[in-house]
């Protein structure tokens, strides 16, 4: 990626809804070359997509939690398929350490979280253990990757 590509991804990370004309003005390109570079970044997988950022609390999902999951050795494929299909799981990551996975989920209330843990998540294929941490307050989310990646880029 060159200097202009970094400017483009940084600008789009700040505002993914801006027009190509606005983006081009921000990064110092005309509309058409800007569009070509954005399409190239999309094709390379640097830009994965565009989406609205929703406020979970405004949607009635006020309780955010992280659930560490330990599963049986032969259950990874079935567990991952079940997680992909479960609407309460908004993120799932494999982990190293005491747990196999880390889930991010939202619930309407602590009682709703308890129901999800007891009657849904604990019954997913291969689950042996759940350990839940309830988030009290989010300090930072959706951090900007472009600037961090650019400043830590390996140089020859």
Protein backbone atom coordinates (compact mmCIF):
# COMPACT_ATOMS: atom_id res chain seq x y z
CA UNK A 1 0.00 0.00 0.00
CA UNK A 2 1.26 3.44 -0.83
CA UNK A 3 0.67 6.78 0.89
CA UNK A 4 -2.60 7.42 -1.00
CA UNK A 5 -4.00 3.99 -0.15
CA UNK A 6 -3.33 4.66 3.54
CA UNK A 7 -5.08 8.04 3.28
CA UNK A 8 -8.06 6.41 1.58
CA UNK A 9 -8.54 3.64 4.15
CA UNK A 10 -8.09 6.12 6.99
CA UNK A 11 -10.70 8.47 5.51
CA UNK A 12 -13.16 5.64 4.80
CA UNK A 13 -12.68 4.24 8.29
CA UNK A 14 -13.73 7.63 9.67
CA UNK A 15 -16.68 8.01 7.27
CA UNK A 16 -17.61 5.15 4.97
CA UNK A 17 -20.59 7.03 3.53
CA UNK A 18 -18.71 9.85 1.86
CA UNK A 19 -18.90 10.16 -1.91
CA UNK A 20 -15.95 9.41 -4.15
CA UNK A 21 -15.76 13.13 -4.93
CA UNK A 22 -15.52 13.95 -1.19
CA UNK A 23 -13.04 11.15 -0.59
CA UNK A 24 -10.94 12.26 -3.54
CA UNK A 25 -10.87 15.82 -2.25
CA UNK A 26 -9.77 14.57 1.18
CA UNK A 27 -6.90 12.47 -0.20
CA UNK A 28 -5.91 14.68 -3.15
CA UNK A 29 -7.30 12.69 -6.09
CA UNK A 30 -10.04 13.24 -8.61
CA UNK A 31 -13.19 11.13 -8.40
CA UNK A 32 -12.32 8.49 -11.02
CA UNK A 33 -8.81 7.54 -9.80
CA UNK A 34 -10.17 7.54 -6.25
CA UNK A 35 -12.92 5.10 -7.27
CA UNK A 36 -10.31 2.87 -8.99
CA UNK A 37 -8.14 2.75 -5.87
CA UNK A 38 -11.09 1.98 -3.59
CA UNK A 39 -12.18 -0.87 -5.88
CA UNK A 40 -8.63 -2.23 -5.86
CA UNK A 41 -8.53 -2.09 -2.04
CA UNK A 42 -11.87 -3.95 -1.96
CA UNK A 43 -10.60 -6.62 -4.37
CA UNK A 44 -7.44 -7.10 -2.27
CA UNK A 45 -9.61 -7.59 0.82
CA UNK A 46 -8.24 -4.53 2.62
CA UNK A 47 -11.76 -3.08 2.64
CA UNK A 48 -14.13 -5.89 3.60
CA UNK A 49 -17.39 -3.97 3.38
CA UNK A 50 -19.49 -1.09 4.63
CA UNK A 51 -22.06 -1.25 7.41
CA UNK A 52 -24.05 0.92 9.77
CA UNK A 53 -22.82 0.95 13.35
CA UNK A 54 -25.80 0.19 15.56
CA UNK A 55 -26.17 1.10 19.22
CA UNK A 56 -27.07 -2.10 21.09
CA UNK A 57 -28.65 -0.19 24.00
CA UNK A 58 -30.89 1.76 21.61
CA UNK A 59 -32.04 -1.61 20.25
CA UNK A 60 -32.91 -2.83 23.77
CA UNK A 61 -29.73 -4.89 24.23
CA UNK A 62 -28.22 -3.12 27.23
CA UNK A 63 -26.08 -5.96 28.65
CA UNK A 64 -22.87 -6.76 26.82
CA UNK A 65 -20.82 -9.75 27.89
CA UNK A 66 -17.87 -11.85 26.89
CA UNK A 67 -18.16 -15.60 27.28
CA UNK A 68 -15.14 -17.89 27.39
CA UNK A 69 -16.03 -21.36 26.13
CA UNK A 70 -14.21 -24.64 26.52
CA UNK A 71 -15.40 -27.45 24.25
CA UNK A 72 -14.61 -31.10 23.57
CA UNK A 73 -11.80 -31.90 21.15
CA UNK A 74 -14.08 -33.37 18.49
CA UNK A 75 -16.72 -30.62 18.52
CA UNK A 76 -15.06 -27.63 16.84
CA UNK A 77 -16.83 -27.92 13.49
CA UNK A 78 -20.29 -28.40 15.01
CA UNK A 79 -19.71 -25.71 17.64
CA UNK A 80 -18.57 -23.15 15.07
CA UNK A 81 -21.55 -23.90 12.82
CA UNK A 82 -23.93 -23.45 15.77
CA UNK A 83 -22.27 -20.17 16.76
CA UNK A 84 -22.54 -18.87 13.20
CA UNK A 85 -26.27 -19.57 13.27
CA UNK A 86 -26.94 -18.14 16.76
CA UNK A 87 -28.21 -14.53 16.58
CA UNK A 88 -27.07 -13.57 20.09
CA UNK A 89 -23.41 -14.22 19.24
CA UNK A 90 -22.10 -11.12 17.50
CA UNK A 91 -18.43 -12.17 17.59
CA UNK A 92 -16.62 -15.46 18.05
CA UNK A 93 -12.85 -15.85 18.28
CA UNK A 94 -10.62 -18.87 18.84
CA UNK A 95 -8.26 -18.30 21.74
CA UNK A 96 -5.11 -19.71 23.28
CA UNK A 97 -5.10 -20.44 26.98
CA UNK A 98 -7.74 -21.93 29.28
CA UNK A 99 -10.58 -21.50 26.82
CA UNK A 100 -11.09 -22.49 23.21
CA UNK A 101 -13.35 -19.59 22.17
CA UNK A 102 -14.34 -16.08 23.22
CA UNK A 103 -17.89 -14.98 22.37
CA UNK A 104 -19.28 -11.47 22.47
CA UNK A 105 -23.01 -11.39 23.14
CA UNK A 106 -25.68 -8.84 23.97
CA UNK A 107 -28.80 -9.39 26.07
CA UNK A 108 -31.80 -7.31 27.09
CA UNK A 109 -31.10 -7.72 30.82
CA UNK A 110 -29.14 -9.79 33.31
CA UNK A 111 -32.10 -12.19 33.48
CA UNK A 112 -32.07 -12.49 29.70
CA UNK A 113 -28.29 -13.13 29.80
CA UNK A 114 -28.87 -15.85 32.40
CA UNK A 115 -31.44 -17.50 30.11
CA UNK A 116 -29.08 -17.34 27.13
CA UNK A 117 -26.27 -18.92 29.12
CA UNK A 118 -28.36 -21.66 30.77
CA UNK A 119 -30.68 -22.65 27.96
CA UNK A 120 -28.88 -21.69 24.73
CA UNK A 121 -25.13 -21.28 24.89
CA UNK A 122 -24.46 -24.07 27.38
CA UNK A 123 -26.30 -26.44 25.03
CA UNK A 124 -24.21 -25.66 21.94
CA UNK A 125 -22.36 -28.71 20.57
CA UNK A 126 -19.41 -29.83 22.67
CA UNK A 127 -19.62 -27.15 25.37
CA UNK A 128 -17.92 -28.24 28.60
CA UNK A 129 -17.56 -24.92 30.39
CA UNK A 130 -18.67 -21.29 30.12
CA UNK A 131 -17.08 -18.37 31.99
CA UNK A 132 -18.85 -15.05 31.58
CA UNK A 133 -17.63 -11.49 32.10
CA UNK A 134 -20.27 -8.74 32.03
CA UNK A 135 -19.15 -5.43 30.58
CA UNK A 136 -20.07 -2.53 32.86
CA UNK A 137 -19.07 0.28 30.51
CA UNK A 138 -17.50 0.42 27.07
CA UNK A 139 -14.61 2.86 26.98
CA UNK A 140 -13.54 2.34 23.37
CA UNK A 141 -14.93 0.34 20.49
CA UNK A 142 -14.45 0.30 16.75
CA UNK A 143 -10.92 1.61 17.08
CA UNK A 144 -9.31 2.82 13.86
CA UNK A 145 -7.01 0.23 12.33
CA UNK A 146 -5.61 2.22 9.40
CA UNK A 147 -3.43 4.60 11.40
CA UNK A 148 -2.19 1.84 13.72
CA UNK A 149 -1.35 -0.49 10.83
CA UNK A 150 0.37 2.29 8.87
CA UNK A 151 2.58 3.32 11.79
CA UNK A 152 3.54 -0.27 12.58
CA UNK A 153 4.13 -1.30 8.95
CA UNK A 154 7.34 -3.30 8.57
CA UNK A 155 9.92 -1.51 6.53
CA UNK A 156 12.78 -3.24 4.67
